[in-house]
Every structure is written in C-alpha cells, then in structure tokens.
Amino acid sequence: MSEVSEAIQAKCLAFSDRIIRLNDYLLEQAASKRYDGGSQRADRRNKTQTSYVRHQTSRVPVHLQSVAALANQLLRSGTSIGANNAEATNAVSKTDYRAKSYIALKEARESLYWIELLHRNKYIDDKQYQSIYNDAEELVKLLVHRCKKIDGQLREDK
C-alpha cells in the first residue's frame, strides 16, 4: 500500500471512529430522554439501556425513533467509506480499484447528507456539525482527487 493510500485509510478509520462515537452519543441522548423523563443529559447508568435501544428502536417513543434511524444511516455510510477504501487498495485490477474508490466516494457524500439532516433537525449542535462535516468533506475531496486520477490513468491505458 502506498503512503497516500495509507494516509487515506488512516483518515477513513479516524472518521469511522468518530461516527461510531457520534452514534453512541445520539443513542444515549435518545435513551436518556426515554428513561429519564426528558432529561437532556445522558446518564452513564443507562449504558445497558442504550444498548437495548440500539437493537430495539421500536421501544423508543415515536418522536425519538427518527434520531435512531438517522444515526443508523450515518453509521452505515460513515463506516462503509473505510471498508470500501480498504477493498480498493486490495483490488485485483484498475477497474476494480476505480469501482471501489467510487463507492467509497458515494458513501462519503451520503455521510454528508446524514450529517446535514442531523444538524437541520437539531440532533447535533453547530460545533459538532462543523467538526464532523469538515472531516467528511476532507474525505470527499481526497476521494474525488483519487477518482479523477484513476480515470486519467484508465484513459491513458486505452
């Protein structure tokens, strides 16, 4: 793996870590509202209840189910970036490398969408939004650059 590929993968992993922590935070917030009668503060004692909520969203009140669904969508797309990037670096051909890189790019762009929705609906504040959005945007830029470079190389090979 080249230094550039390693750097991109490191950023993908760091972003995935952030997405997982954000997902846990959002679910803790939903659980604390469910189990603490609307408290804004997540109570650490609710860890087991948070796990329960993660797997049983139907037990969360209707007005909190949307945050669980949005968090799950972001978890899927945000962690998929790194998985597809890892597959790209182990591709069997340039066209396979291109395809996996484009999938990683699509997942990064999808993550931007879910982050925007979480912010617009006040599930994350301005500071959280700006920080995680900037990280996702940086991944998009890196992957766009890579995809353009691959397209150029494939055109040259023809």
N, C-alpha and C. Protein backbone atom coordinates (compact mmCIF):
# COMPACT_ATOMS: atom_id res chain seq x y z
N MET A 1 0.85 -1.17 0.00
CA MET A 1 0.00 0.00 0.00
C MET A 1 0.89 1.24 0.00
N SER A 2 0.57 2.21 -0.85
CA SER A 2 1.37 3.43 -0.93
C SER A 2 1.13 4.32 0.29
N GLU A 3 2.01 5.28 0.46
CA GLU A 3 1.87 6.21 1.59
C GLU A 3 0.56 6.98 1.50
N VAL A 4 0.17 7.37 0.30
CA VAL A 4 -1.08 8.11 0.10
C VAL A 4 -2.27 7.23 0.49
N SER A 5 -2.25 5.99 0.03
CA SER A 5 -3.34 5.06 0.37
C SER A 5 -3.41 4.81 1.87
N GLU A 6 -2.26 4.69 2.50
CA GLU A 6 -2.22 4.51 3.96
C GLU A 6 -2.77 5.73 4.67
N ALA A 7 -2.45 6.92 4.18
CA ALA A 7 -2.94 8.14 4.80
C ALA A 7 -4.46 8.26 4.64
N ILE A 8 -4.96 7.92 3.47
CA ILE A 8 -6.41 7.96 3.24
C ILE A 8 -7.10 6.94 4.15
N GLN A 9 -6.53 5.74 4.24
CA GLN A 9 -7.14 4.72 5.09
C GLN A 9 -7.12 5.14 6.56
N ALA A 10 -6.05 5.78 7.00
CA ALA A 10 -5.98 6.27 8.38
C ALA A 10 -7.07 7.30 8.63
N LYS A 11 -7.31 8.19 7.66
CA LYS A 11 -8.38 9.18 7.80
C LYS A 11 -9.75 8.51 7.80
N CYS A 12 -9.90 7.48 6.98
CA CYS A 12 -11.17 6.73 6.96
C CYS A 12 -11.43 6.07 8.30
N LEU A 13 -10.40 5.47 8.88
CA LEU A 13 -10.56 4.82 10.18
C LEU A 13 -10.87 5.83 11.28
N ALA A 14 -10.19 6.96 11.26
CA ALA A 14 -10.44 8.00 12.26
C ALA A 14 -11.87 8.53 12.12
N PHE A 15 -12.33 8.69 10.88
CA PHE A 15 -13.70 9.15 10.65
C PHE A 15 -14.69 8.10 11.14
N SER A 16 -14.43 6.83 10.86
CA SER A 16 -15.31 5.76 11.34
C SER A 16 -15.40 5.78 12.86
N ASP A 17 -14.26 5.97 13.52
CA ASP A 17 -14.26 6.05 14.99
C ASP A 17 -15.16 7.18 15.47
N ARG A 18 -15.06 8.33 14.81
CA ARG A 18 -15.90 9.48 15.18
C ARG A 18 -17.38 9.18 14.96
N ILE A 19 -17.68 8.51 13.85
CA ILE A 19 -19.07 8.19 13.54
C ILE A 19 -19.64 7.22 14.58
N ILE A 20 -18.85 6.25 14.98
CA ILE A 20 -19.30 5.30 15.99
C ILE A 20 -19.58 6.03 17.32
N ARG A 21 -18.67 6.92 17.70
CA ARG A 21 -18.87 7.69 18.94
C ARG A 21 -20.10 8.60 18.83
N LEU A 22 -20.30 9.23 17.67
CA LEU A 22 -21.47 10.07 17.48
C LEU A 22 -22.74 9.24 17.56
N ASN A 23 -22.73 8.07 16.95
CA ASN A 23 -23.89 7.18 17.01
C ASN A 23 -24.21 6.83 18.47
N ASP A 24 -23.20 6.46 19.24
CA ASP A 24 -23.41 6.13 20.65
C ASP A 24 -23.95 7.33 21.42
N TYR A 25 -23.40 8.51 21.15
CA TYR A 25 -23.86 9.74 21.81
C TYR A 25 -25.34 10.00 21.50
N LEU A 26 -25.69 9.92 20.21
CA LEU A 26 -27.08 10.18 19.82
C LEU A 26 -28.04 9.18 20.46
N LEU A 27 -27.63 7.92 20.51
CA LEU A 27 -28.49 6.91 21.12
C LEU A 27 -28.57 7.09 22.63
N GLU A 28 -27.48 7.53 23.25
CA GLU A 28 -27.52 7.84 24.68
C GLU A 28 -28.49 8.97 24.95
N GLN A 29 -28.47 9.99 24.07
CA GLN A 29 -29.40 11.10 24.22
C GLN A 29 -30.84 10.61 24.10
N ALA A 30 -31.09 9.76 23.11
CA ALA A 30 -32.44 9.22 22.94
C ALA A 30 -32.85 8.38 24.15
N ALA A 31 -31.91 7.57 24.65
CA ALA A 31 -32.22 6.73 25.81
C ALA A 31 -32.45 7.57 27.06
N SER A 32 -31.67 8.62 27.23
CA SER A 32 -31.84 9.44 28.43
C SER A 32 -33.19 10.17 28.39
N LYS A 33 -33.63 10.54 27.22
CA LYS A 33 -34.95 11.16 27.09
C LYS A 33 -36.04 10.13 27.37
N ARG A 34 -35.79 8.90 26.94
CA ARG A 34 -36.78 7.82 27.12
C ARG A 34 -36.86 7.39 28.57
N TYR A 35 -35.72 7.22 29.21
CA TYR A 35 -35.71 6.63 30.53
C TYR A 35 -35.59 7.64 31.67
N ASP A 36 -35.20 8.88 31.36
CA ASP A 36 -35.05 9.88 32.41
C ASP A 36 -36.13 10.95 32.32
N GLY A 37 -37.19 10.66 31.64
CA GLY A 37 -38.30 11.61 31.57
C GLY A 37 -37.96 12.90 30.85
N GLY A 38 -37.13 12.84 29.83
CA GLY A 38 -36.85 14.01 29.01
C GLY A 38 -35.57 14.74 29.38
N SER A 39 -34.77 14.19 30.24
CA SER A 39 -33.51 14.83 30.61
C SER A 39 -32.64 15.01 29.39
N GLN A 40 -31.97 16.15 29.27
CA GLN A 40 -31.07 16.42 28.16
C GLN A 40 -29.70 15.77 28.36
N ARG A 41 -29.40 15.36 29.59
CA ARG A 41 -28.09 14.82 29.91
C ARG A 41 -28.15 13.29 29.88
N ALA A 42 -27.18 12.69 29.17
CA ALA A 42 -27.12 11.23 29.11
C ALA A 42 -26.54 10.72 30.42
N ASP A 43 -27.22 9.81 31.03
CA ASP A 43 -26.78 9.24 32.30
C ASP A 43 -25.97 7.98 32.00
N ARG A 44 -24.76 7.91 32.49
CA ARG A 44 -23.88 6.77 32.23
C ARG A 44 -24.49 5.46 32.73
N ARG A 45 -25.39 5.54 33.70
CA ARG A 45 -26.02 4.30 34.19
C ARG A 45 -26.92 3.68 33.14
N ASN A 46 -27.26 4.43 32.12
CA ASN A 46 -28.17 3.94 31.08
C ASN A 46 -27.45 3.23 29.95
N LYS A 47 -26.17 2.90 30.14
CA LYS A 47 -25.40 2.22 29.09
C LYS A 47 -26.12 0.96 28.61
N THR A 48 -26.59 0.14 29.54
CA THR A 48 -27.26 -1.09 29.12
C THR A 48 -28.58 -0.77 28.44
N GLN A 49 -29.25 0.27 28.89
CA GLN A 49 -30.49 0.67 28.25
C GLN A 49 -30.21 1.21 26.86
N THR A 50 -29.09 1.92 26.67
CA THR A 50 -28.71 2.43 25.37
C THR A 50 -28.49 1.27 24.40
N SER A 51 -27.83 0.22 24.85
CA SER A 51 -27.63 -0.95 24.01
C SER A 51 -28.97 -1.56 23.63
N TYR A 52 -29.86 -1.57 24.59
CA TYR A 52 -31.19 -2.11 24.33
C TYR A 52 -31.90 -1.27 23.28
N VAL A 53 -31.80 0.06 23.42
CA VAL A 53 -32.44 0.96 22.47
C VAL A 53 -31.85 0.78 21.08
N ARG A 54 -30.54 0.56 21.02
CA ARG A 54 -29.88 0.37 19.73
C ARG A 54 -30.50 -0.79 18.97
N HIS A 55 -30.88 -1.84 19.66
CA HIS A 55 -31.40 -3.03 18.99
C HIS A 55 -32.91 -3.09 18.99
N GLN A 56 -33.55 -2.29 19.79
CA GLN A 56 -35.00 -2.31 19.90
C GLN A 56 -35.57 -0.91 19.73
N THR A 57 -35.37 -0.29 18.57
CA THR A 57 -35.81 1.09 18.39
C THR A 57 -37.33 1.21 18.50
N SER A 58 -38.04 0.11 18.32
CA SER A 58 -39.49 0.20 18.44
C SER A 58 -39.90 0.51 19.88
N ARG A 59 -39.01 0.29 20.86
CA ARG A 59 -39.30 0.60 22.24
C ARG A 59 -39.07 2.08 22.55
N VAL A 60 -38.43 2.79 21.64
CA VAL A 60 -38.19 4.22 21.81
C VAL A 60 -39.47 4.94 21.38
N PRO A 61 -39.86 5.98 22.10
CA PRO A 61 -41.05 6.73 21.69
C PRO A 61 -40.93 7.20 20.25
N VAL A 62 -42.06 7.33 19.61
CA VAL A 62 -42.10 7.67 18.19
C VAL A 62 -41.26 8.91 17.88
N HIS A 63 -41.29 9.93 18.72
CA HIS A 63 -40.56 11.16 18.43
C HIS A 63 -39.05 10.98 18.56
N LEU A 64 -38.58 9.86 19.10
CA LEU A 64 -37.14 9.60 19.19
C LEU A 64 -36.67 8.56 18.18
N GLN A 65 -37.60 7.90 17.52
CA GLN A 65 -37.21 6.88 16.55
C GLN A 65 -36.47 7.48 15.36
N SER A 66 -36.80 8.71 15.01
CA SER A 66 -36.14 9.32 13.86
C SER A 66 -34.65 9.50 14.10
N VAL A 67 -34.25 9.92 15.30
CA VAL A 67 -32.83 10.09 15.57
C VAL A 67 -32.11 8.75 15.50
N ALA A 68 -32.75 7.69 15.98
CA ALA A 68 -32.13 6.37 15.91
C ALA A 68 -31.96 5.93 14.46
N ALA A 69 -32.96 6.21 13.63
CA ALA A 69 -32.88 5.84 12.21
C ALA A 69 -31.79 6.65 11.50
N LEU A 70 -31.74 7.95 11.76
CA LEU A 70 -30.72 8.80 11.13
C LEU A 70 -29.33 8.39 11.58
N ALA A 71 -29.18 8.13 12.88
CA ALA A 71 -27.87 7.72 13.41
C ALA A 71 -27.43 6.41 12.77
N ASN A 72 -28.36 5.50 12.57
CA ASN A 72 -28.03 4.21 11.96
C ASN A 72 -27.60 4.39 10.50
N GLN A 73 -28.29 5.27 9.77
CA GLN A 73 -27.91 5.53 8.38
C GLN A 73 -26.50 6.12 8.30
N LEU A 74 -26.21 7.06 9.21
CA LEU A 74 -24.87 7.66 9.23
C LEU A 74 -23.83 6.62 9.63
N LEU A 75 -24.16 5.77 10.58
CA LEU A 75 -23.24 4.71 10.99
C LEU A 75 -22.90 3.81 9.81
N ARG A 76 -23.89 3.45 9.03
CA ARG A 76 -23.67 2.57 7.88
C ARG A 76 -22.81 3.24 6.81
N SER A 77 -23.19 4.46 6.42
CA SER A 77 -22.44 5.12 5.35
C SER A 77 -21.06 5.57 5.82
N GLY A 78 -20.97 6.07 7.04
CA GLY A 78 -19.70 6.58 7.55
C GLY A 78 -18.65 5.52 7.76
N THR A 79 -19.05 4.32 8.16
CA THR A 79 -18.08 3.24 8.34
C THR A 79 -17.81 2.50 7.03
N SER A 80 -18.73 2.63 6.10
CA SER A 80 -18.56 1.97 4.80
C SER A 80 -17.47 2.62 3.96
N ILE A 81 -17.18 3.88 4.22
CA ILE A 81 -16.13 4.59 3.45
C ILE A 81 -14.81 3.84 3.59
N GLY A 82 -14.43 3.57 4.81
CA GLY A 82 -13.16 2.89 5.07
C GLY A 82 -13.15 1.46 4.56
N ALA A 83 -14.30 0.78 4.70
CA ALA A 83 -14.38 -0.60 4.21
C ALA A 83 -14.17 -0.66 2.69
N ASN A 84 -14.82 0.25 1.98
CA ASN A 84 -14.67 0.27 0.52
C ASN A 84 -13.29 0.76 0.11
N ASN A 85 -12.73 1.68 0.87
CA ASN A 85 -11.37 2.12 0.59
C ASN A 85 -10.39 0.97 0.78
N ALA A 86 -10.58 0.17 1.83
CA ALA A 86 -9.71 -0.98 2.06
C ALA A 86 -9.83 -1.98 0.91
N GLU A 87 -11.05 -2.18 0.44
CA GLU A 87 -11.24 -3.08 -0.71
C GLU A 87 -10.57 -2.52 -1.95
N ALA A 88 -10.62 -1.22 -2.13
CA ALA A 88 -9.98 -0.59 -3.30
C ALA A 88 -8.49 -0.82 -3.29
N THR A 89 -7.87 -0.68 -2.11
CA THR A 89 -6.42 -0.84 -2.05
C THR A 89 -5.99 -2.28 -2.30
N ASN A 90 -6.93 -3.21 -2.19
CA ASN A 90 -6.63 -4.61 -2.45
C ASN A 90 -7.30 -5.11 -3.73
N ALA A 91 -7.63 -4.18 -4.61
CA ALA A 91 -8.33 -4.52 -5.84
C ALA A 91 -7.48 -5.40 -6.75
N VAL A 92 -8.16 -6.20 -7.56
CA VAL A 92 -7.46 -7.11 -8.47
C VAL A 92 -7.14 -6.48 -9.82
N SER A 93 -7.76 -5.32 -10.10
CA SER A 93 -7.50 -4.63 -11.37
C SER A 93 -7.73 -3.13 -11.17
N LYS A 94 -7.31 -2.36 -12.18
CA LYS A 94 -7.53 -0.91 -12.10
C LYS A 94 -9.02 -0.57 -12.14
N THR A 95 -9.77 -1.31 -12.92
CA THR A 95 -11.21 -1.04 -12.98
C THR A 95 -11.89 -1.39 -11.65
N ASP A 96 -11.44 -2.45 -11.01
CA ASP A 96 -11.95 -2.81 -9.68
C ASP A 96 -11.57 -1.73 -8.67
N TYR A 97 -10.34 -1.26 -8.75
CA TYR A 97 -9.85 -0.19 -7.89
C TYR A 97 -10.71 1.07 -8.07
N ARG A 98 -11.00 1.39 -9.33
CA ARG A 98 -11.84 2.55 -9.65
C ARG A 98 -13.24 2.37 -9.07
N ALA A 99 -13.83 1.22 -9.27
CA ALA A 99 -15.20 0.97 -8.80
C ALA A 99 -15.29 1.10 -7.28
N LYS A 100 -14.37 0.49 -6.56
CA LYS A 100 -14.38 0.54 -5.09
C LYS A 100 -14.11 1.96 -4.59
N SER A 101 -13.24 2.69 -5.29
CA SER A 101 -12.96 4.08 -4.92
C SER A 101 -14.20 4.95 -5.09
N TYR A 102 -14.93 4.73 -6.18
CA TYR A 102 -16.15 5.49 -6.41
C TYR A 102 -17.23 5.14 -5.39
N ILE A 103 -17.29 3.89 -4.99
CA ILE A 103 -18.25 3.52 -3.94
C ILE A 103 -17.89 4.22 -2.63
N ALA A 104 -16.62 4.24 -2.28
CA ALA A 104 -16.17 4.95 -1.07
C ALA A 104 -16.56 6.43 -1.16
N LEU A 105 -16.38 7.03 -2.32
CA LEU A 105 -16.75 8.44 -2.53
C LEU A 105 -18.25 8.63 -2.35
N LYS A 106 -19.05 7.74 -2.93
CA LYS A 106 -20.51 7.84 -2.78
C LYS A 106 -20.92 7.74 -1.31
N GLU A 107 -20.28 6.86 -0.57
CA GLU A 107 -20.59 6.70 0.85
C GLU A 107 -20.20 7.95 1.64
N ALA A 108 -19.09 8.58 1.26
CA ALA A 108 -18.66 9.81 1.93
C ALA A 108 -19.67 10.93 1.66
N ARG A 109 -20.13 11.03 0.44
CA ARG A 109 -21.13 12.05 0.11
C ARG A 109 -22.46 11.76 0.82
N GLU A 110 -22.81 10.50 0.92
CA GLU A 110 -24.03 10.15 1.65
C GLU A 110 -23.90 10.53 3.13
N SER A 111 -22.73 10.34 3.68
CA SER A 111 -22.49 10.72 5.08
C SER A 111 -22.71 12.21 5.28
N LEU A 112 -22.26 13.03 4.32
CA LEU A 112 -22.50 14.47 4.40
C LEU A 112 -24.01 14.76 4.50
N TYR A 113 -24.79 14.03 3.74
CA TYR A 113 -26.23 14.21 3.75
C TYR A 113 -26.83 13.91 5.13
N TRP A 114 -26.44 12.78 5.71
CA TRP A 114 -26.98 12.40 7.02
C TRP A 114 -26.53 13.37 8.11
N ILE A 115 -25.29 13.83 8.02
CA ILE A 115 -24.79 14.82 8.99
C ILE A 115 -25.61 16.10 8.88
N GLU A 116 -25.87 16.52 7.66
CA GLU A 116 -26.68 17.72 7.43
C GLU A 116 -28.09 17.55 8.02
N LEU A 117 -28.69 16.41 7.81
CA LEU A 117 -30.03 16.15 8.36
C LEU A 117 -30.04 16.16 9.88
N LEU A 118 -29.03 15.54 10.48
CA LEU A 118 -28.95 15.54 11.94
C LEU A 118 -28.84 16.98 12.47
N HIS A 119 -28.10 17.81 11.78
CA HIS A 119 -27.93 19.20 12.20
C HIS A 119 -29.21 20.00 11.98
N ARG A 120 -29.80 19.88 10.82
CA ARG A 120 -31.03 20.63 10.50
C ARG A 120 -32.15 20.31 11.48
N ASN A 121 -32.15 19.09 11.99
CA ASN A 121 -33.20 18.67 12.92
C ASN A 121 -32.77 18.77 14.38
N LYS A 122 -31.66 19.46 14.61
CA LYS A 122 -31.18 19.82 15.96
C LYS A 122 -30.76 18.62 16.82
N TYR A 123 -30.34 17.54 16.18
CA TYR A 123 -29.82 16.40 16.93
C TYR A 123 -28.34 16.60 17.27
N ILE A 124 -27.66 17.43 16.46
CA ILE A 124 -26.28 17.82 16.77
C ILE A 124 -26.21 19.34 16.70
N ASP A 125 -25.38 19.92 17.55
CA ASP A 125 -25.27 21.38 17.59
C ASP A 125 -24.31 21.87 16.50
N ASP A 126 -24.19 23.19 16.40
CA ASP A 126 -23.36 23.79 15.35
C ASP A 126 -21.90 23.35 15.42
N LYS A 127 -21.37 23.29 16.62
CA LYS A 127 -19.96 22.91 16.80
C LYS A 127 -19.73 21.46 16.37
N GLN A 128 -20.60 20.56 16.81
CA GLN A 128 -20.48 19.15 16.42
C GLN A 128 -20.61 19.02 14.90
N TYR A 129 -21.60 19.69 14.37
CA TYR A 129 -21.85 19.65 12.93
C TYR A 129 -20.63 20.10 12.13
N GLN A 130 -20.10 21.26 12.48
CA GLN A 130 -18.98 21.83 11.72
C GLN A 130 -17.78 20.90 11.76
N SER A 131 -17.51 20.33 12.92
CA SER A 131 -16.35 19.46 13.09
C SER A 131 -16.47 18.18 12.26
N ILE A 132 -17.58 17.49 12.41
CA ILE A 132 -17.72 16.20 11.71
C ILE A 132 -17.95 16.42 10.21
N TYR A 133 -18.65 17.49 9.85
CA TYR A 133 -18.88 17.80 8.45
C TYR A 133 -17.56 18.08 7.74
N ASN A 134 -16.70 18.85 8.40
CA ASN A 134 -15.38 19.16 7.82
C ASN A 134 -14.57 17.89 7.59
N ASP A 135 -14.62 16.96 8.54
CA ASP A 135 -13.90 15.70 8.37
C ASP A 135 -14.43 14.91 7.18
N ALA A 136 -15.75 14.86 7.05
CA ALA A 136 -16.35 14.14 5.93
C ALA A 136 -16.02 14.82 4.61
N GLU A 137 -16.07 16.14 4.61
CA GLU A 137 -15.76 16.90 3.40
C GLU A 137 -14.30 16.67 2.96
N GLU A 138 -13.41 16.58 3.93
CA GLU A 138 -12.00 16.30 3.61
C GLU A 138 -11.86 14.94 2.94
N LEU A 139 -12.58 13.94 3.44
CA LEU A 139 -12.56 12.62 2.81
C LEU A 139 -13.11 12.68 1.39
N VAL A 140 -14.19 13.43 1.19
CA VAL A 140 -14.76 13.57 -0.15
C VAL A 140 -13.71 14.16 -1.09
N LYS A 141 -13.03 15.20 -0.66
CA LYS A 141 -12.01 15.84 -1.51
C LYS A 141 -10.88 14.87 -1.86
N LEU A 142 -10.42 14.12 -0.87
CA LEU A 142 -9.35 13.14 -1.12
C LEU A 142 -9.81 12.07 -2.11
N LEU A 143 -11.03 11.60 -1.92
CA LEU A 143 -11.53 10.53 -2.79
C LEU A 143 -11.85 11.04 -4.19
N VAL A 144 -12.33 12.29 -4.32
CA VAL A 144 -12.56 12.88 -5.64
C VAL A 144 -11.24 12.96 -6.38
N HIS A 145 -10.21 13.44 -5.69
CA HIS A 145 -8.88 13.54 -6.32
C HIS A 145 -8.42 12.16 -6.79
N ARG A 146 -8.57 11.16 -5.93
CA ARG A 146 -8.15 9.81 -6.30
C ARG A 146 -8.94 9.31 -7.51
N CYS A 147 -10.26 9.50 -7.51
CA CYS A 147 -11.09 9.01 -8.61
C CYS A 147 -10.73 9.69 -9.93
N LYS A 148 -10.49 10.99 -9.88
CA LYS A 148 -10.07 11.70 -11.11
C LYS A 148 -8.74 11.18 -11.62
N LYS A 149 -7.84 10.92 -10.70
CA LYS A 149 -6.52 10.39 -11.08
C LYS A 149 -6.66 9.01 -11.73
N ILE A 150 -7.49 8.17 -11.14
CA ILE A 150 -7.71 6.82 -11.69
C ILE A 150 -8.33 6.93 -13.08
N ASP A 151 -9.34 7.81 -13.23
CA ASP A 151 -9.97 7.98 -14.55
C ASP A 151 -8.94 8.40 -15.60
N GLY A 152 -8.05 9.30 -15.22
CA GLY A 152 -7.00 9.73 -16.14
C GLY A 152 -6.08 8.59 -16.53
N GLN A 153 -5.71 7.77 -15.55
CA GLN A 153 -4.83 6.63 -15.82
C GLN A 153 -5.52 5.62 -16.73
N LEU A 154 -6.79 5.38 -16.50
CA LEU A 154 -7.52 4.42 -17.35
C LEU A 154 -7.68 4.95 -18.77
N ARG A 155 -7.86 6.26 -18.94
CA ARG A 155 -7.94 6.85 -20.29
C ARG A 155 -6.61 6.68 -21.03
N GLU A 156 -5.51 6.87 -20.28
CA GLU A 156 -4.18 6.74 -20.88
C GLU A 156 -3.91 5.30 -21.32
N ASP A 157 -4.45 4.34 -20.56
CA ASP A 157 -4.23 2.92 -20.85
C ASP A 157 -4.97 2.46 -22.11
N LYS A 158 -5.97 3.21 -22.53
CA LYS A 158 -6.78 2.78 -23.70
C LYS A 158 -6.11 3.05 -24.99
